[in-house]
PDB file of N, CA and C in Angstrom:
ATOM      1  N   UNK A   1       0.998  -1.096  -0.040  1.00  0.00           N
ATOM      2  CA  UNK A   1      -0.210  -0.133   0.001  1.00  0.00           C
ATOM      3  C   UNK A   1       0.888   1.392   0.244  1.00  0.00           C
ATOM      4  N   UNK A   2       0.554   2.280  -1.070  1.00  0.00           N
ATOM      5  CA  UNK A   2       1.426   3.425  -0.930  1.00  0.00           C
ATOM      6  C   UNK A   2       1.356   4.153   0.364  1.00  0.00           C
ATOM      7  N   UNK A   3       1.922   5.401   0.644  1.00  0.00           N
ATOM      8  CA  UNK A   3       1.412   6.128   1.572  1.00  0.00           C
ATOM      9  C   UNK A   3       0.471   7.044   1.180  1.00  0.00           C
ATOM     10  N   UNK A   4       0.210   7.150   0.200  1.00  0.00           N
ATOM     11  CA  UNK A   4      -0.919   8.022  -0.219  1.00  0.00           C
ATOM     12  C   UNK A   4      -2.516   7.323  -0.072  1.00  0.00           C
ATOM     13  N   UNK A   5      -1.997   6.216  -0.455  1.00  0.00           N
ATOM     14  CA  UNK A   5      -3.569   5.034   0.097  1.00  0.00           C
ATOM     15  C   UNK A   5      -3.659   4.682   1.449  1.00  0.00           C
ATOM     16  N   UNK A   6      -2.502   4.881   2.154  1.00  0.00           N
ATOM     17  CA  UNK A   6      -2.766   4.507   3.753  1.00  0.00           C
ATOM     18  C   UNK A   6      -3.370   5.795   4.328  1.00  0.00           C
ATOM     19  N   UNK A   7      -3.064   6.882   3.698  1.00  0.00           N
ATOM     20  CA  UNK A   7      -3.432   8.243   4.349  1.00  0.00           C
ATOM     21  C   UNK A   7      -4.888   8.243   4.013  1.00  0.00           C
ATOM     22  N   UNK A   8      -5.132   7.980   2.482  1.00  0.00           N
ATOM     23  CA  UNK A   8      -6.576   8.321   2.521  1.00  0.00           C
ATOM     24  C   UNK A   8      -7.385   7.322   3.160  1.00  0.00           C
ATOM     25  N   UNK A   9      -7.038   5.990   3.541  1.00  0.00           N
ATOM     26  CA  UNK A   9      -7.733   4.945   4.188  1.00  0.00           C
ATOM     27  C   UNK A   9      -7.784   5.397   6.010  1.00  0.00           C
ATOM     28  N   UNK A  10      -6.745   5.861   6.188  1.00  0.00           N
ATOM     29  CA  UNK A  10      -6.452   6.438   7.852  1.00  0.00           C
ATOM     30  C   UNK A  10      -7.745   7.334   7.776  1.00  0.00           C
ATOM     31  N   UNK A  11      -7.804   8.490   6.904  1.00  0.00           N
ATOM     32  CA  UNK A  11      -8.639   9.644   7.019  1.00  0.00           C
ATOM     33  C   UNK A  11      -9.964   9.089   7.214  1.00  0.00           C
ATOM     34  N   UNK A  12     -10.319   8.140   6.325  1.00  0.00           N
ATOM     35  CA  UNK A  12     -11.937   7.695   5.917  1.00  0.00           C
ATOM     36  C   UNK A  12     -12.128   7.002   7.384  1.00  0.00           C
ATOM     37  N   UNK A  13     -11.162   6.057   7.962  1.00  0.00           N
ATOM     38  CA  UNK A  13     -11.669   5.386   8.943  1.00  0.00           C
ATOM     39  C   UNK A  13     -11.772   6.530  10.572  1.00  0.00           C
ATOM     40  N   UNK A  14     -10.854   7.184  10.203  1.00  0.00           N
ATOM     41  CA  UNK A  14     -11.230   8.598  11.490  1.00  0.00           C
ATOM     42  C   UNK A  14     -12.534   9.320  11.084  1.00  0.00           C
ATOM     43  N   UNK A  15     -12.869   9.632  10.012  1.00  0.00           N
ATOM     44  CA  UNK A  15     -14.025  10.404   9.779  1.00  0.00           C
ATOM     45  C   UNK A  15     -15.055   9.319  10.012  1.00  0.00           C
ATOM     46  N   UNK A  16     -15.238   8.364   9.633  1.00  0.00           N
ATOM     47  CA  UNK A  16     -16.233   7.035  10.031  1.00  0.00           C
ATOM     48  C   UNK A  16     -16.451   6.594  11.393  1.00  0.00           C
ATOM     49  N   UNK A  17     -15.284   6.715  12.033  1.00  0.00           N
ATOM     50  CA  UNK A  17     -15.538   5.892  13.754  1.00  0.00           C
ATOM     51  C   UNK A  17     -15.143   6.903  14.510  1.00  0.00           C
ATOM     52  N   UNK A  18     -14.829   8.283  13.978  1.00  0.00           N
ATOM     53  CA  UNK A  18     -14.783   9.306  14.990  1.00  0.00           C
ATOM     54  C   UNK A  18     -13.749   9.014  15.956  1.00  0.00           C
ATOM     55  N   UNK A  19     -12.779   8.687  15.095  1.00  0.00           N
ATOM     56  CA  UNK A  19     -11.396   8.578  15.981  1.00  0.00           C
ATOM     57  C   UNK A  19     -10.294   9.575  15.453  1.00  0.00           C
ATOM     58  N   UNK A  20      -9.067   9.605  15.984  1.00  0.00           N
ATOM     59  CA  UNK A  20      -8.049  10.151  15.859  1.00  0.00           C
ATOM     60  C   UNK A  20      -6.779   9.341  16.047  1.00  0.00           C
ATOM     61  N   UNK A  21      -6.344   9.145  14.580  1.00  0.00           N
ATOM     62  CA  UNK A  21      -5.289   7.586  14.527  1.00  0.00           C
ATOM     63  C   UNK A  21      -4.059   8.521  14.026  1.00  0.00           C
ATOM     64  N   UNK A  22      -2.891   7.473  14.750  1.00  0.00           N
ATOM     65  CA  UNK A  22      -1.696   7.634  14.411  1.00  0.00           C
ATOM     66  C   UNK A  22      -0.879   6.371  13.960  1.00  0.00           C
ATOM     67  N   UNK A  23      -0.174   6.469  12.738  1.00  0.00           N
ATOM     68  CA  UNK A  23       0.564   5.351  11.828  1.00  0.00           C
ATOM     69  C   UNK A  23       1.397   4.549  13.182  1.00  0.00           C
ATOM     70  N   UNK A  24       1.579   3.594  12.573  1.00  0.00           N
ATOM     71  CA  UNK A  24       2.592   2.640  13.403  1.00  0.00           C
ATOM     72  C   UNK A  24       3.816   2.364  12.928  1.00  0.00           C
ATOM     73  N   UNK A  25       5.117   2.521  13.168  1.00  0.00           N
ATOM     74  CA  UNK A  25       5.899   1.892  12.514  1.00  0.00           C
ATOM     75  C   UNK A  25       5.847   0.542  12.197  1.00  0.00           C
ATOM     76  N   UNK A  26       6.869   0.145  11.038  1.00  0.00           N
ATOM     77  CA  UNK A  26       6.296  -1.154  10.659  1.00  0.00           C
ATOM     78  C   UNK A  26       6.764  -2.260  11.340  1.00  0.00           C
ATOM     79  N   UNK A  27       7.555  -2.144  12.277  1.00  0.00           N
ATOM     80  CA  UNK A  27       8.114  -3.445  13.404  1.00  0.00           C
ATOM     81  C   UNK A  27       7.286  -2.937  14.779  1.00  0.00           C
ATOM     82  N   UNK A  28       6.069  -2.294  14.714  1.00  0.00           N
ATOM     83  CA  UNK A  28       5.555  -2.057  16.024  1.00  0.00           C
ATOM     84  C   UNK A  28       4.792  -3.272  16.568  1.00  0.00           C
ATOM     85  N   UNK A  29       5.048  -3.149  17.694  1.00  0.00           N
ATOM     86  CA  UNK A  29       4.427  -4.322  18.804  1.00  0.00           C
ATOM     87  C   UNK A  29       3.439  -3.655  19.425  1.00  0.00           C
ATOM     88  N   UNK A  30       2.535  -4.456  20.257  1.00  0.00           N
ATOM     89  CA  UNK A  30       1.231  -3.749  20.967  1.00  0.00           C
ATOM     90  C   UNK A  30       2.169  -3.496  22.206  1.00  0.00           C
ATOM     91  N   UNK A  31       1.575  -2.440  22.886  1.00  0.00           N
ATOM     92  CA  UNK A  31       1.828  -2.002  24.228  1.00  0.00           C
ATOM     93  C   UNK A  31       0.729  -1.973  25.198  1.00  0.00           C
ATOM     94  N   UNK A  32       0.781  -2.511  26.194  1.00  0.00           N
ATOM     95  CA  UNK A  32      -0.157  -2.791  27.337  1.00  0.00           C
ATOM     96  C   UNK A  32      -0.771  -1.446  27.638  1.00  0.00           C
ATOM     97  N   UNK A  33      -2.023  -1.004  27.657  1.00  0.00           N
ATOM     98  CA  UNK A  33      -2.402   0.189  28.247  1.00  0.00           C
ATOM     99  C   UNK A  33      -3.201   1.222  26.760  1.00  0.00           C
ATOM    100  N   UNK A  34      -2.298   0.661  25.855  1.00  0.00           N
ATOM    101  CA  UNK A  34      -2.646   1.500  24.454  1.00  0.00           C
ATOM    102  C   UNK A  34      -4.288   0.838  23.807  1.00  0.00           C
ATOM    103  N   UNK A  35      -4.458   1.918  23.310  1.00  0.00           N
ATOM    104  CA  UNK A  35      -5.742   1.570  22.221  1.00  0.00           C
ATOM    105  C   UNK A  35      -5.370   1.436  20.861  1.00  0.00           C
ATOM    106  N   UNK A  36      -6.054   0.182  20.224  1.00  0.00           N
ATOM    107  CA  UNK A  36      -5.768   0.087  18.895  1.00  0.00           C
ATOM    108  C   UNK A  36      -6.933   0.037  18.011  1.00  0.00           C
ATOM    109  N   UNK A  37      -6.686   0.281  16.436  1.00  0.00           N
ATOM    110  CA  UNK A  37      -7.935   0.248  15.715  1.00  0.00           C
ATOM    111  C   UNK A  37      -7.485  -0.773  14.842  1.00  0.00           C
ATOM    112  N   UNK A  38      -8.184  -1.766  14.537  1.00  0.00           N
ATOM    113  CA  UNK A  38      -8.010  -3.132  13.774  1.00  0.00           C
ATOM    114  C   UNK A  38      -8.708  -2.847  12.755  1.00  0.00           C
ATOM    115  N   UNK A  39      -7.856  -2.627  11.380  1.00  0.00           N
ATOM    116  CA  UNK A  39      -7.921  -2.372  10.322  1.00  0.00           C
ATOM    117  C   UNK A  39      -8.763  -3.782   9.604  1.00  0.00           C
ATOM    118  N   UNK A  40      -8.724  -4.782  10.176  1.00  0.00           N
ATOM    119  CA  UNK A  40      -9.575  -5.993   9.750  1.00  0.00           C
ATOM    120  C   UNK A  40     -10.919  -5.828  10.162  1.00  0.00           C
ATOM    121  N   UNK A  41     -11.305  -5.714  11.353  1.00  0.00           N
ATOM    122  CA  UNK A  41     -12.435  -5.996  12.238  1.00  0.00           C
ATOM    123  C   UNK A  41     -12.993  -4.384  12.005  1.00  0.00           C
ATOM    124  N   UNK A  42     -12.418  -3.475  11.708  1.00  0.00           N
ATOM    125  CA  UNK A  42     -12.858  -2.260  12.148  1.00  0.00           C
ATOM    126  C   UNK A  42     -13.603  -1.683  13.318  1.00  0.00           C
ATOM    127  N   UNK A  43     -12.672  -2.101  14.232  1.00  0.00           N
ATOM    128  CA  UNK A  43     -12.857  -1.871  15.806  1.00  0.00           C
ATOM    129  C   UNK A  43     -11.838  -1.777  16.594  1.00  0.00           C
ATOM    130  N   UNK A  44     -11.970  -0.749  17.790  1.00  0.00           N
ATOM    131  CA  UNK A  44     -10.778  -0.669  18.485  1.00  0.00           C
ATOM    132  C   UNK A  44     -10.850  -1.548  19.741  1.00  0.00           C
ATOM    133  N   UNK A  45      -9.410  -1.812  20.149  1.00  0.00           N
ATOM    134  CA  UNK A  45      -9.423  -2.581  21.576  1.00  0.00           C
ATOM    135  C   UNK A  45      -8.216  -2.039  22.420  1.00  0.00           C
ATOM    136  N   UNK A  46      -8.286  -2.421  23.473  1.00  0.00           N
ATOM    137  CA  UNK A  46      -7.309  -2.063  24.530  1.00  0.00           C
ATOM    138  C   UNK A  46      -6.372  -3.016  24.733  1.00  0.00           C
ATOM    139  N   UNK A  47      -5.313  -3.135  24.984  1.00  0.00           N
ATOM    140  CA  UNK A  47      -4.457  -4.075  25.051  1.00  0.00           C
ATOM    141  C   UNK A  47      -4.230  -4.194  26.812  1.00  0.00           C
ATOM    142  N   UNK A  48      -4.547  -5.250  27.177  1.00  0.00           N
ATOM    143  CA  UNK A  48      -4.752  -5.584  28.943  1.00  0.00           C
ATOM    144  C   UNK A  48      -3.369  -6.107  29.299  1.00  0.00           C
ATOM    145  N   UNK A  49      -2.924  -6.983  28.469  1.00  0.00           N
ATOM    146  CA  UNK A  49      -1.860  -7.969  28.963  1.00  0.00           C
ATOM    147  C   UNK A  49      -0.943  -8.074  27.539  1.00  0.00           C
ATOM    148  N   UNK A  50       0.257  -8.450  27.675  1.00  0.00           N
ATOM    149  CA  UNK A  50       1.173  -9.028  26.528  1.00  0.00           C
ATOM    150  C   UNK A  50       2.179  -9.722  27.048  1.00  0.00           C
ATOM    151  N   UNK A  51       2.442 -11.039  25.994  1.00  0.00           N
ATOM    152  CA  UNK A  51       3.408 -11.795  26.318  1.00  0.00           C
ATOM    153  C   UNK A  51       4.027 -12.341  25.074  1.00  0.00           C
ATOM    154  N   UNK A  52       5.377 -12.289  25.128  1.00  0.00           N
ATOM    155  CA  UNK A  52       5.934 -12.761  24.120  1.00  0.00           C
ATOM    156  C   UNK A  52       6.230 -13.905  24.106  1.00  0.00           C
ATOM    157  N   UNK A  53       5.942 -14.924  22.956  1.00  0.00           N
ATOM    158  CA  UNK A  53       6.221 -16.294  22.955  1.00  0.00           C
ATOM    159  C   UNK A  53       6.971 -16.689  21.620  1.00  0.00           C
ATOM    160  N   UNK A  54       7.155 -17.971  21.410  1.00  0.00           N
ATOM    161  CA  UNK A  54       7.862 -18.390  20.277  1.00  0.00           C
ATOM    162  C   UNK A  54       7.376 -18.384  19.087  1.00  0.00           C
ATOM    163  N   UNK A  55       5.813 -18.085  19.140  1.00  0.00           N
ATOM    164  CA  UNK A  55       4.968 -17.930  18.095  1.00  0.00           C
ATOM    165  C   UNK A  55       4.901 -16.582  17.601  1.00  0.00           C
ATOM    166  N   UNK A  56       5.321 -15.376  18.887  1.00  0.00           N
ATOM    167  CA  UNK A  56       5.272 -13.796  18.588  1.00  0.00           C
ATOM    168  C   UNK A  56       4.478 -13.494  19.882  1.00  0.00           C
ATOM    169  N   UNK A  57       3.997 -12.374  19.462  1.00  0.00           N
ATOM    170  CA  UNK A  57       3.399 -11.587  20.663  1.00  0.00           C
ATOM    171  C   UNK A  57       1.885 -11.576  21.010  1.00  0.00           C
ATOM    172  N   UNK A  58       1.319 -12.544  22.375  1.00  0.00           N
ATOM    173  CA  UNK A  58       0.219 -12.481  22.414  1.00  0.00           C
ATOM    174  C   UNK A  58      -0.336 -11.943  23.342  1.00  0.00           C
ATOM    175  N   UNK A  59      -1.479 -11.386  22.856  1.00  0.00           N
ATOM    176  CA  UNK A  59      -1.931  -9.984  23.679  1.00  0.00           C
ATOM    177  C   UNK A  59      -3.569 -10.361  24.446  1.00  0.00           C
ATOM    178  N   UNK A  60      -3.645 -10.077  25.477  1.00  0.00           N
ATOM    179  CA  UNK A  60      -5.030 -10.083  25.695  1.00  0.00           C
ATOM    180  C   UNK A  60      -5.715  -8.654  25.794  1.00  0.00           C
ATOM    181  N   UNK A  61      -6.873  -8.464  25.030  1.00  0.00           N
ATOM    182  CA  UNK A  61      -7.446  -7.184  24.693  1.00  0.00           C
ATOM    183  C   UNK A  61      -8.996  -7.151  25.004  1.00  0.00           C
ATOM    184  N   UNK A  62      -9.447  -5.884  25.285  1.00  0.00           N
ATOM    185  CA  UNK A  62     -10.881  -5.714  25.533  1.00  0.00           C
ATOM    186  C   UNK A  62     -11.094  -5.014  24.215  1.00  0.00           C
ATOM    187  N   UNK A  63     -12.451  -5.474  23.359  1.00  0.00           N
ATOM    188  CA  UNK A  63     -12.639  -4.714  22.352  1.00  0.00           C
ATOM    189  C   UNK A  63     -13.688  -3.825  22.862  1.00  0.00           C
ATOM    190  N   UNK A  64     -13.906  -2.961  21.909  1.00  0.00           N
ATOM    191  CA  UNK A  64     -14.920  -1.827  21.766  1.00  0.00           C
ATOM    192  C   UNK A  64     -16.700  -2.069  22.404  1.00  0.00           C
ATOM    193  N   UNK A  65     -16.459  -3.483  22.197  1.00  0.00           N
ATOM    194  CA  UNK A  65     -18.144  -4.104  22.616  1.00  0.00           C
ATOM    195  C   UNK A  65     -18.094  -4.486  23.825  1.00  0.00           C
ATOM    196  N   UNK A  66     -16.874  -4.454  24.282  1.00  0.00           N
ATOM    197  CA  UNK A  66     -16.576  -5.337  25.901  1.00  0.00           C
ATOM    198  C   UNK A  66     -15.946  -6.628  25.875  1.00  0.00           C
ATOM    199  N   UNK A  67     -15.956  -7.357  24.798  1.00  0.00           N
ATOM    200  CA  UNK A  67     -15.610  -8.578  24.561  1.00  0.00           C
ATOM    201  C   UNK A  67     -14.149  -8.648  25.089  1.00  0.00           C
ATOM    202  N   UNK A  68     -13.550  -9.478  25.861  1.00  0.00           N
ATOM    203  CA  UNK A  68     -12.101  -9.742  26.102  1.00  0.00           C
ATOM    204  C   UNK A  68     -11.609 -11.261  25.521  1.00  0.00           C
ATOM    205  N   UNK A  69     -10.576 -11.075  25.072  1.00  0.00           N
ATOM    206  CA  UNK A  69     -10.083 -12.306  24.332  1.00  0.00           C
ATOM    207  C   UNK A  69      -8.740 -11.931  24.251  1.00  0.00           C
ATOM    208  N   UNK A  70      -7.901 -12.825  23.732  1.00  0.00           N
ATOM    209  CA  UNK A  70      -6.441 -13.152  23.372  1.00  0.00           C
ATOM    210  C   UNK A  70      -6.188 -13.484  22.032  1.00  0.00           C
ATOM    211  N   UNK A  71      -5.152 -12.655  21.367  1.00  0.00           N
ATOM    212  CA  UNK A  71      -5.070 -13.298  19.996  1.00  0.00           C
ATOM    213  C   UNK A  71      -3.308 -12.940  19.644  1.00  0.00           C
ATOM    214  N   UNK A  72      -2.895 -13.545  18.648  1.00  0.00           N
ATOM    215  CA  UNK A  72      -1.540 -13.232  18.447  1.00  0.00           C
ATOM    216  C   UNK A  72      -1.048 -12.970  17.114  1.00  0.00           C
ATOM    217  N   UNK A  73      -2.422 -11.996  16.428  1.00  0.00           N
ATOM    218  CA  UNK A  73      -2.031 -11.566  15.086  1.00  0.00           C
ATOM    219  C   UNK A  73      -1.318 -10.108  15.452  1.00  0.00           C
ATOM    220  N   UNK A  74      -0.465 -10.289  14.654  1.00  0.00           N
ATOM    221  CA  UNK A  74       0.603  -9.085  14.201  1.00  0.00           C
ATOM    222  C   UNK A  74      -0.171  -7.741  13.801  1.00  0.00           C
ATOM    223  N   UNK A  75       0.493  -6.536  14.161  1.00  0.00           N
ATOM    224  CA  UNK A  75      -0.137  -5.312  13.809  1.00  0.00           C
ATOM    225  C   UNK A  75       0.600  -5.191  12.481  1.00  0.00           C
ATOM    226  N   UNK A  76      -0.467  -4.781  11.455  1.00  0.00           N
ATOM    227  CA  UNK A  76      -0.590  -4.637  10.114  1.00  0.00           C
ATOM    228  C   UNK A  76      -0.535  -3.307   9.547  1.00  0.00           C
ATOM    229  N   UNK A  77      -0.273  -2.791   8.223  1.00  0.00           N
ATOM    230  CA  UNK A  77      -0.374  -1.472   7.932  1.00  0.00           C
ATOM    231  C   UNK A  77      -1.673  -0.949   8.087  1.00  0.00           C
ATOM    232  N   UNK A  78      -2.789  -1.686   8.181  1.00  0.00           N
ATOM    233  CA  UNK A  78      -4.062  -1.576   8.188  1.00  0.00           C
ATOM    234  C   UNK A  78      -4.771  -1.183   9.554  1.00  0.00           C
ATOM    235  N   UNK A  79      -3.577  -0.954  10.663  1.00  0.00           N
ATOM    236  CA  UNK A  79      -3.969  -0.825  11.772  1.00  0.00           C
ATOM    237  C   UNK A  79      -3.310   0.168  12.571  1.00  0.00           C
ATOM    238  N   UNK A  80      -3.960   1.050  13.255  1.00  0.00           N
ATOM    239  CA  UNK A  80      -3.169   2.203  13.716  1.00  0.00           C
ATOM    240  C   UNK A  80      -3.529   2.411  15.115  1.00  0.00           C
ATOM    241  N   UNK A  81      -2.823   3.180  15.903  1.00  0.00           N
ATOM    242  CA  UNK A  81      -2.996   3.738  17.274  1.00  0.00           C
ATOM    243  C   UNK A  81      -3.860   4.666  17.480  1.00  0.00           C
ATOM    244  N   UNK A  82      -5.321   4.715  18.531  1.00  0.00           N
ATOM    245  CA  UNK A  82      -5.765   5.518  18.760  1.00  0.00           C
ATOM    246  C   UNK A  82      -5.263   6.769  19.598  1.00  0.00           C
ATOM    247  N   UNK A  83      -5.390   7.789  19.238  1.00  0.00           N
ATOM    248  CA  UNK A  83      -4.810   8.964  19.977  1.00  0.00           C
ATOM    249  C   UNK A  83      -6.024   9.389  20.769  1.00  0.00           C
ATOM    250  N   UNK A  84      -7.324   9.269  20.101  1.00  0.00           N
ATOM    251  CA  UNK A  84      -8.319  10.359  20.710  1.00  0.00           C
ATOM    252  C   UNK A  84      -9.797   9.504  20.155  1.00  0.00           C
ATOM    253  N   UNK A  85     -10.679   9.517  20.886  1.00  0.00           N
ATOM    254  CA  UNK A  85     -12.029   8.591  20.519  1.00  0.00           C
ATOM    255  C   UNK A  85     -12.966   9.031  20.958  1.00  0.00           C
ATOM    256  N   UNK A  86     -13.945   9.828  20.181  1.00  0.00           N
ATOM    257  CA  UNK A  86     -14.962  10.569  20.641  1.00  0.00           C
ATOM    258  C   UNK A  86     -16.170   9.547  20.890  1.00  0.00           C
ATOM    259  N   UNK A  87     -16.967   9.814  22.077  1.00  0.00           N
ATOM    260  CA  UNK A  87     -17.873   8.730  22.427  1.00  0.00           C
ATOM    261  C   UNK A  87     -18.953   9.070  21.494  1.00  0.00           C
ATOM    262  N   UNK A  88     -19.997   8.425  21.200  1.00  0.00           N
ATOM    263  CA  UNK A  88     -20.919   8.714  20.667  1.00  0.00           C
ATOM    264  C   UNK A  88     -22.247   8.135  21.723  1.00  0.00           C
ATOM    265  N   UNK A  89     -23.005   9.551  21.876  1.00  0.00           N
ATOM    266  CA  UNK A  89     -24.267   9.366  22.743  1.00  0.00           C
ATOM    267  C   UNK A  89     -25.397   8.905  21.941  1.00  0.00           C
ATOM    268  N   UNK A  90     -26.255   7.767  22.293  1.00  0.00           N
ATOM    269  CA  UNK A  90     -27.508   7.472  21.424  1.00  0.00           C
ATOM    270  C   UNK A  90     -28.361   7.879  22.382  1.00  0.00           C
ATOM    271  N   UNK A  91     -29.405   8.694  21.605  1.00  0.00           N
ATOM    272  CA  UNK A  91     -30.665   9.186  22.165  1.00  0.00           C
ATOM    273  C   UNK A  91     -31.927   8.053  22.400  1.00  0.00           C
TER     274      UNK A  91
END
């Protein structure tokens, strides 16, 4: 993905999901306490725990819908760090 396409994708995700996102370096690892935007699922999640294994980084996370699970999927160029998340109030 070119930088221009990535920036276009990022700005669309920010607008659609009321987020302020930051690009991650190509070798980024999950950090406990930080919130990420998953480009595959189009949802945010907070990293609760992290463990390095022989298979890579295993993280326990809480998704925006409250579900907690663990996964070892590495960060990709479609994933972003959430800088700011605007809460949406439903009437």
